[in-house]
Amino acid sequence: MNNASKKNGWNWTAIQVRYRLGISGKIKIKELTKYQIDQIEQMIGQDHVVHWELKRGERADIERFISISCYRGIRHQDGSPLRGQRSHTNARTCANSEMKEVYRKPLVLV
């Protein structure tokens, strides 16, 4: 969250949404009605990019990189670090899922 929307410990975006909907500042979240929650979700969805929209956009960007076979797309496909990090001795977490499958012992039924 940028510094403009959160100042002196107050979340000004939340205060603006609450003021525009006419909701008291002393009401607790568990006391909100379903209608008020729907109104809040609708207003936030209109004014801001919500989590699932952001993730969908990021995934579309990654798939575009992969489809045009640029450097970043190739690194995404391989599961390698793509922002210039050292990969000779580090990047264990990126390659961890691949290593588990490669080095897994075959199941022997007796």
C-alpha atoms as a PDB file:
ATOM      1  CA  MET A   1       0.000   0.000   0.000  1.00  0.00           C
ATOM      2  CA  ASN A   2       1.430   3.383  -0.890  1.00  0.00           C
ATOM      3  CA  ASN A   3       2.060   6.095   1.660  1.00  0.00           C
ATOM      4  CA  ALA A   4      -0.702   8.349   0.351  1.00  0.00           C
ATOM      5  CA  SER A   5      -3.528   5.961   1.220  1.00  0.00           C
ATOM      6  CA  LYS A   6      -2.216   5.122   4.702  1.00  0.00           C
ATOM      7  CA  LYS A   7      -1.252   8.121   6.793  1.00  0.00           C
ATOM      8  CA  ASN A   8      -0.789   8.354  10.550  1.00  0.00           C
ATOM      9  CA  GLY A   9      -2.023   4.783  10.998  1.00  0.00           C
ATOM     10  CA  TRP A  10      -5.375   5.464   9.320  1.00  0.00           C
ATOM     11  CA  ASN A  11      -6.413   3.659   6.159  1.00  0.00           C
ATOM     12  CA  TRP A  12      -7.955   6.537   4.226  1.00  0.00           C
ATOM     13  CA  THR A  13      -9.361   4.294   1.483  1.00  0.00           C
ATOM     14  CA  ALA A  14     -11.413   2.390   4.046  1.00  0.00           C
ATOM     15  CA  ILE A  15     -12.601   5.653   5.599  1.00  0.00           C
ATOM     16  CA  GLN A  16     -13.674   6.979   2.185  1.00  0.00           C
ATOM     17  CA  VAL A  17     -15.578   3.796   1.328  1.00  0.00           C
ATOM     18  CA  ARG A  18     -17.270   3.807   4.733  1.00  0.00           C
ATOM     19  CA  TYR A  19     -18.213   7.481   4.387  1.00  0.00           C
ATOM     20  CA  ARG A  20     -19.625   7.050   0.859  1.00  0.00           C
ATOM     21  CA  LEU A  21     -21.783   4.132   1.999  1.00  0.00           C
ATOM     22  CA  GLY A  22     -22.902   5.831   5.204  1.00  0.00           C
ATOM     23  CA  ILE A  23     -21.543   3.141   7.522  1.00  0.00           C
ATOM     24  CA  SER A  24     -20.621   4.110  11.079  1.00  0.00           C
ATOM     25  CA  GLY A  25     -16.970   3.984  12.095  1.00  0.00           C
ATOM     26  CA  LYS A  26     -17.785   2.210  15.347  1.00  0.00           C
ATOM     27  CA  ILE A  27     -19.531  -0.788  13.784  1.00  0.00           C
ATOM     28  CA  LYS A  28     -17.609  -4.072  13.794  1.00  0.00           C
ATOM     29  CA  ILE A  29     -17.194  -6.238  10.715  1.00  0.00           C
ATOM     30  CA  LYS A  30     -19.193  -9.098  12.215  1.00  0.00           C
ATOM     31  CA  GLU A  31     -22.105  -6.693  12.717  1.00  0.00           C
ATOM     32  CA  LEU A  32     -22.310  -5.719   9.025  1.00  0.00           C
ATOM     33  CA  THR A  33     -25.284  -7.005   7.059  1.00  0.00           C
ATOM     34  CA  LYS A  34     -24.925  -9.037   3.878  1.00  0.00           C
ATOM     35  CA  TYR A  35     -26.220  -6.051   1.875  1.00  0.00           C
ATOM     36  CA  GLN A  36     -23.564  -3.731   3.348  1.00  0.00           C
ATOM     37  CA  ILE A  37     -20.811  -6.268   2.596  1.00  0.00           C
ATOM     38  CA  ASP A  38     -22.035  -6.576  -0.994  1.00  0.00           C
ATOM     39  CA  GLN A  39     -22.025  -2.781  -1.338  1.00  0.00           C
ATOM     40  CA  ILE A  40     -18.455  -2.584  -0.014  1.00  0.00           C
ATOM     41  CA  GLU A  41     -17.276  -5.319  -2.406  1.00  0.00           C
ATOM     42  CA  GLN A  42     -18.970  -3.608  -5.346  1.00  0.00           C
ATOM     43  CA  MET A  43     -17.460  -0.208  -4.547  1.00  0.00           C
ATOM     44  CA  ILE A  44     -13.960  -1.625  -4.070  1.00  0.00           C
ATOM     45  CA  GLY A  45     -14.308  -3.601  -7.312  1.00  0.00           C
ATOM     46  CA  GLN A  46     -15.215  -0.424  -9.214  1.00  0.00           C
ATOM     47  CA  ASP A  47     -12.454   1.775  -7.827  1.00  0.00           C
ATOM     48  CA  HIS A  48      -9.547  -0.640  -7.325  1.00  0.00           C
ATOM     49  CA  VAL A  49      -7.933  -3.693  -8.902  1.00  0.00           C
ATOM     50  CA  VAL A  50      -8.855  -6.642  -6.702  1.00  0.00           C
ATOM     51  CA  HIS A  51      -6.620  -9.627  -5.935  1.00  0.00           C
ATOM     52  CA  TRP A  52      -7.987 -12.128  -8.470  1.00  0.00           C
ATOM     53  CA  GLU A  53      -7.891  -9.582 -11.322  1.00  0.00           C
ATOM     54  CA  LEU A  54      -4.262  -8.818 -10.547  1.00  0.00           C
ATOM     55  CA  LYS A  55      -3.321 -12.516 -10.446  1.00  0.00           C
ATOM     56  CA  ARG A  56      -5.155 -13.143 -13.727  1.00  0.00           C
ATOM     57  CA  GLY A  57      -3.228 -10.301 -15.364  1.00  0.00           C
ATOM     58  CA  GLU A  58       0.096 -11.608 -14.046  1.00  0.00           C
ATOM     59  CA  ARG A  59      -0.672 -15.107 -15.345  1.00  0.00           C
ATOM     60  CA  ALA A  60      -1.610 -13.705 -18.768  1.00  0.00           C
ATOM     61  CA  ASP A  61       1.703 -11.817 -18.892  1.00  0.00           C
ATOM     62  CA  ILE A  62       3.667 -14.955 -18.025  1.00  0.00           C
ATOM     63  CA  GLU A  63       1.831 -16.980 -20.680  1.00  0.00           C
ATOM     64  CA  ARG A  64       2.559 -14.243 -23.222  1.00  0.00           C
ATOM     65  CA  PHE A  65       6.273 -14.381 -22.355  1.00  0.00           C
ATOM     66  CA  ILE A  66       6.222 -18.155 -22.786  1.00  0.00           C
ATOM     67  CA  SER A  67       4.364 -17.975 -26.109  1.00  0.00           C
ATOM     68  CA  ILE A  68       6.831 -15.502 -27.661  1.00  0.00           C
ATOM     69  CA  SER A  69       9.777 -17.512 -26.261  1.00  0.00           C
ATOM     70  CA  CYS A  70      11.580 -14.540 -24.777  1.00  0.00           C
ATOM     71  CA  TYR A  71      14.249 -14.965 -22.102  1.00  0.00           C
ATOM     72  CA  ARG A  72      11.814 -14.490 -19.229  1.00  0.00           C
ATOM     73  CA  GLY A  73       9.355 -16.956 -20.766  1.00  0.00           C
ATOM     74  CA  ILE A  74      12.016 -19.621 -21.137  1.00  0.00           C
ATOM     75  CA  ARG A  75      13.139 -19.097 -17.535  1.00  0.00           C
ATOM     76  CA  HIS A  76       9.499 -19.368 -16.376  1.00  0.00           C
ATOM     77  CA  GLN A  77       9.126 -22.653 -18.257  1.00  0.00           C
ATOM     78  CA  ASP A  78      12.296 -24.081 -16.741  1.00  0.00           C
ATOM     79  CA  GLY A  79      11.418 -22.891 -13.244  1.00  0.00           C
ATOM     80  CA  SER A  80      14.707 -21.010 -13.046  1.00  0.00           C
ATOM     81  CA  PRO A  81      15.202 -17.590 -11.463  1.00  0.00           C
ATOM     82  CA  LEU A  82      14.581 -14.898 -14.040  1.00  0.00           C
ATOM     83  CA  ARG A  83      15.768 -11.644 -12.495  1.00  0.00           C
ATOM     84  CA  GLY A  84      19.502 -12.200 -12.759  1.00  0.00           C
ATOM     85  CA  GLN A  85      20.019 -14.141  -9.556  1.00  0.00           C
ATOM     86  CA  ARG A  86      22.889 -16.570  -9.241  1.00  0.00           C
ATOM     87  CA  SER A  87      21.754 -20.066 -10.178  1.00  0.00           C
ATOM     88  CA  HIS A  88      24.920 -22.169  -9.964  1.00  0.00           C
ATOM     89  CA  THR A  89      24.784 -22.793  -6.219  1.00  0.00           C
ATOM     90  CA  ASN A  90      21.544 -21.061  -5.250  1.00  0.00           C
ATOM     91  CA  ALA A  91      17.952 -21.171  -6.541  1.00  0.00           C
ATOM     92  CA  ARG A  92      17.247 -24.407  -4.718  1.00  0.00           C
ATOM     93  CA  THR A  93      13.608 -23.554  -4.130  1.00  0.00           C
ATOM     94  CA  CYS A  94      12.983 -22.913  -7.838  1.00  0.00           C
ATOM     95  CA  ALA A  95      14.499 -26.218  -8.890  1.00  0.00           C
ATOM     96  CA  ASN A  96      13.254 -28.117  -5.840  1.00  0.00           C
ATOM     97  CA  SER A  97      10.052 -29.411  -7.419  1.00  0.00           C
ATOM     98  CA  GLU A  98      11.907 -30.620 -10.519  1.00  0.00           C
ATOM     99  CA  MET A  99      14.645 -32.284  -8.473  1.00  0.00           C
ATOM    100  CA  LYS A 100      12.120 -34.212  -6.403  1.00  0.00           C
ATOM    101  CA  GLU A 101      10.610 -35.757  -9.510  1.00  0.00           C
ATOM    102  CA  VAL A 102      13.954 -36.483 -11.193  1.00  0.00           C
ATOM    103  CA  TYR A 103      15.587 -38.120  -8.163  1.00  0.00           C
ATOM    104  CA  ARG A 104      12.540 -39.971  -6.863  1.00  0.00           C
ATOM    105  CA  LYS A 105      13.227 -43.669  -6.533  1.00  0.00           C
ATOM    106  CA  PRO A 106      10.950 -45.951  -8.541  1.00  0.00           C
ATOM    107  CA  LEU A 107       8.324 -47.824  -6.566  1.00  0.00           C
ATOM    108  CA  VAL A 108       9.162 -51.514  -6.343  1.00  0.00           C
ATOM    109  CA  LEU A 109       6.309 -53.871  -5.498  1.00  0.00           C
ATOM    110  CA  VAL A 110       7.372 -57.084  -3.765  1.00  0.00           C
END
